[in-house]
Amino acid sequence: MKIKLLFILALMVSFSCFANDTTRQLYNPYASVEKDIPVLLTKAKLEKKHVLLQVGGNWCIWCYKFNSFVQLDSTLKRTISNNYVVYHLNYSKENKNLEYLKKLGNPQRFGFPVFVILDENGFRLHTQDSSLLEKGNGYDFDKVKSFLENWTPKAILPPSEE
């Protein structure tokens, strides 16, 4: 019984550490969003997906929490994989990407991370304030699932095109 308890405790600690692991950088502060977006849009068009921009920085613990949250849950990971091309758009002292964020309606006004959904042509479909997806010290599964499912390519088709 003690061995099972120790195993479960060790497993919980390892997941907790992974969820807050900021040693793996999500964001490239030196990436050129102006060069990267056309490549993402081409990929989205070919795969019939939308682009999910996660705006934040390597300094943002909530950015890492969200990334871990969706990567560790098979349902959320599958929803993203099947419907989105994901890009971590950097906002940091090295590179705030202000010109591109201005084109998106300045989503950083909601704090970080903030999510922007683009269609395959680069048209902004939705900006999501991530604080509305939170629960306690993390994210709420149902809210995140709903957000992701409501902005899939299939979800926004007119009823006659389904």
Protein backbone atom coordinates (compact mmCIF):
# COMPACT_ATOMS: atom_id res chain seq x y z
CA MET A 1 0.00 0.00 0.00
CA LYS A 2 2.84 2.41 0.87
CA ILE A 3 4.53 1.65 -2.45
CA LYS A 4 1.33 2.50 -4.37
CA LEU A 5 0.96 5.72 -2.42
CA LEU A 6 4.59 6.69 -3.07
CA PHE A 7 4.21 5.86 -6.76
CA ILE A 8 1.07 8.00 -7.07
CA LEU A 9 2.76 10.85 -5.19
CA ALA A 10 5.84 10.65 -7.43
CA LEU A 11 3.65 10.61 -10.52
CA MET A 12 1.74 13.70 -9.36
CA VAL A 13 4.97 15.57 -8.61
CA SER A 14 6.41 14.70 -12.02
CA PHE A 15 3.25 15.91 -13.81
CA SER A 16 3.29 19.08 -11.72
CA CYS A 17 6.91 19.73 -12.61
CA PHE A 18 6.23 19.06 -16.30
CA ALA A 19 3.25 21.43 -16.27
CA ASN A 20 5.45 24.23 -14.99
CA ASP A 21 8.53 23.32 -17.03
CA THR A 22 9.82 26.50 -18.57
CA THR A 23 13.18 25.02 -19.59
CA ARG A 24 11.72 24.09 -22.98
CA GLN A 25 11.11 27.35 -24.77
CA LEU A 26 7.69 27.66 -26.42
CA TYR A 27 8.44 31.01 -28.01
CA ASN A 28 11.25 32.11 -30.29
CA PRO A 29 11.85 35.77 -29.47
CA TYR A 30 13.75 36.21 -32.72
CA ALA A 31 11.27 34.57 -35.08
CA SER A 32 9.85 36.70 -37.86
CA VAL A 33 6.08 36.48 -37.57
CA GLU A 34 5.76 38.26 -40.92
CA LYS A 35 7.71 35.41 -42.58
CA ASP A 36 6.20 32.60 -40.50
CA ILE A 37 2.51 33.44 -40.95
CA PRO A 38 2.43 32.91 -44.76
CA VAL A 39 3.99 29.45 -44.24
CA LEU A 40 1.40 28.64 -41.56
CA LEU A 41 -1.45 29.81 -43.79
CA THR A 42 -0.21 27.63 -46.66
CA LYS A 43 -0.08 24.64 -44.32
CA ALA A 44 -3.55 25.46 -42.92
CA LYS A 45 -4.97 25.70 -46.45
CA LEU A 46 -3.47 22.37 -47.49
CA GLU A 47 -4.69 20.65 -44.33
CA LYS A 48 -8.08 22.46 -44.24
CA LYS A 49 -7.37 23.84 -40.77
CA HIS A 50 -7.36 27.14 -38.95
CA VAL A 51 -4.34 28.78 -37.37
CA LEU A 52 -4.26 29.01 -33.58
CA LEU A 53 -1.93 31.75 -32.41
CA GLN A 54 -0.93 31.55 -28.76
CA VAL A 55 0.45 35.00 -27.98
CA GLY A 56 2.78 35.18 -24.99
CA GLY A 57 6.39 34.69 -24.07
CA ASN A 58 8.84 32.40 -22.37
CA TRP A 59 8.41 34.54 -19.26
CA CYS A 60 4.68 33.63 -19.04
CA ILE A 61 3.92 30.74 -16.66
CA TRP A 62 0.27 30.66 -17.78
CA CYS A 63 1.46 30.13 -21.36
CA TYR A 64 3.32 27.01 -20.23
CA LYS A 65 0.37 25.88 -18.12
CA PHE A 66 -1.94 26.08 -21.12
CA ASN A 67 0.49 24.28 -23.41
CA SER A 68 0.93 21.45 -20.89
CA PHE A 69 -2.80 21.31 -20.20
CA VAL A 70 -3.71 20.70 -23.84
CA GLN A 71 -0.74 18.43 -24.56
CA LEU A 72 -1.42 16.13 -21.59
CA ASP A 73 -5.12 15.67 -22.37
CA SER A 74 -5.72 13.35 -25.33
CA THR A 75 -9.10 14.90 -26.24
CA LEU A 76 -7.77 18.46 -26.34
CA LYS A 77 -4.57 17.42 -28.07
CA ARG A 78 -6.57 15.59 -30.75
CA THR A 79 -8.94 18.54 -31.23
CA ILE A 80 -5.99 20.84 -31.79
CA SER A 81 -4.15 18.40 -34.02
CA ASN A 82 -7.20 17.78 -36.21
CA ASN A 83 -8.26 21.41 -36.59
CA TYR A 84 -5.41 23.83 -36.04
CA VAL A 85 -1.92 24.76 -37.07
CA VAL A 86 -0.44 26.15 -33.84
CA TYR A 87 2.01 29.04 -33.60
CA HIS A 88 3.49 30.54 -30.44
CA LEU A 89 3.66 34.24 -31.28
CA ASN A 90 6.28 35.91 -29.12
CA TYR A 91 5.69 39.01 -27.02
CA SER A 92 8.78 39.93 -25.01
CA LYS A 93 11.30 42.69 -24.49
CA GLU A 94 13.38 41.20 -27.32
CA ASN A 95 10.50 41.28 -29.80
CA LYS A 96 6.97 42.43 -29.08
CA ASN A 97 5.70 41.93 -32.65
CA LEU A 98 3.63 45.09 -32.23
CA GLU A 99 3.09 45.71 -35.95
CA TYR A 100 1.58 42.27 -36.47
CA LEU A 101 -0.43 42.42 -33.23
CA LYS A 102 -1.85 45.75 -34.39
CA LYS A 103 -3.15 43.98 -37.52
CA LEU A 104 -4.88 41.50 -35.19
CA GLY A 105 -6.61 44.24 -33.19
CA ASN A 106 -4.06 44.38 -30.36
CA PRO A 107 -5.06 41.13 -28.61
CA GLN A 108 -2.36 41.67 -25.95
CA ARG A 109 -4.82 44.01 -24.24
CA PHE A 110 -6.37 40.87 -22.69
CA GLY A 111 -3.12 39.78 -21.04
CA PHE A 112 -1.19 36.58 -21.68
CA PRO A 113 -1.57 34.13 -23.07
CA VAL A 114 -4.17 35.35 -25.50
CA PHE A 115 -5.39 33.20 -28.37
CA VAL A 116 -6.20 34.36 -31.88
CA ILE A 117 -7.90 32.12 -34.43
CA LEU A 118 -7.18 32.83 -38.10
CA ASP A 119 -8.87 31.18 -41.03
CA GLU A 120 -6.76 29.69 -43.83
CA ASN A 121 -6.59 33.11 -45.52
CA GLY A 122 -5.29 34.92 -42.44
CA PHE A 123 -8.61 36.55 -41.54
CA ARG A 124 -9.00 36.93 -37.77
CA LEU A 125 -12.03 34.91 -36.71
CA HIS A 126 -11.78 35.21 -32.93
CA THR A 127 -9.67 36.54 -30.08
CA GLN A 128 -9.90 34.61 -26.81
CA ASP A 129 -9.06 36.08 -23.41
CA SER A 130 -7.42 33.10 -21.67
CA SER A 131 -8.53 34.22 -18.21
CA LEU A 132 -12.06 33.16 -19.22
CA LEU A 133 -10.75 29.60 -19.66
CA GLU A 134 -9.21 29.36 -16.21
CA LYS A 135 -10.30 27.47 -13.15
CA GLY A 136 -8.40 27.88 -9.90
CA ASN A 137 -4.70 27.69 -10.56
CA GLY A 138 -5.10 26.13 -14.00
CA TYR A 139 -7.47 25.74 -16.89
CA ASP A 140 -11.01 24.37 -17.06
CA PHE A 141 -11.34 21.36 -19.37
CA ASP A 142 -14.92 22.12 -20.48
CA LYS A 143 -14.19 25.78 -21.22
CA VAL A 144 -11.03 24.99 -23.19
CA LYS A 145 -12.76 22.18 -25.09
CA SER A 146 -15.68 24.45 -25.94
CA PHE A 147 -13.38 27.25 -27.11
CA LEU A 148 -11.40 24.90 -29.35
CA GLU A 149 -14.45 23.15 -30.79
CA ASN A 150 -16.40 26.36 -31.44
CA TRP A 151 -13.73 27.72 -33.79
CA THR A 152 -12.89 24.66 -35.87
CA PRO A 153 -13.31 24.95 -39.64
CA LYS A 154 -16.34 22.65 -39.51
CA ALA A 155 -17.97 24.55 -36.63
CA ILE A 156 -18.15 27.82 -38.53
CA LEU A 157 -19.50 26.40 -41.80
CA PRO A 158 -23.01 27.47 -42.71
CA PRO A 159 -25.51 24.66 -42.01
CA SER A 160 -25.94 23.91 -45.75
CA GLU A 161 -22.22 23.16 -46.14
CA GLU A 162 -21.91 20.56 -43.37
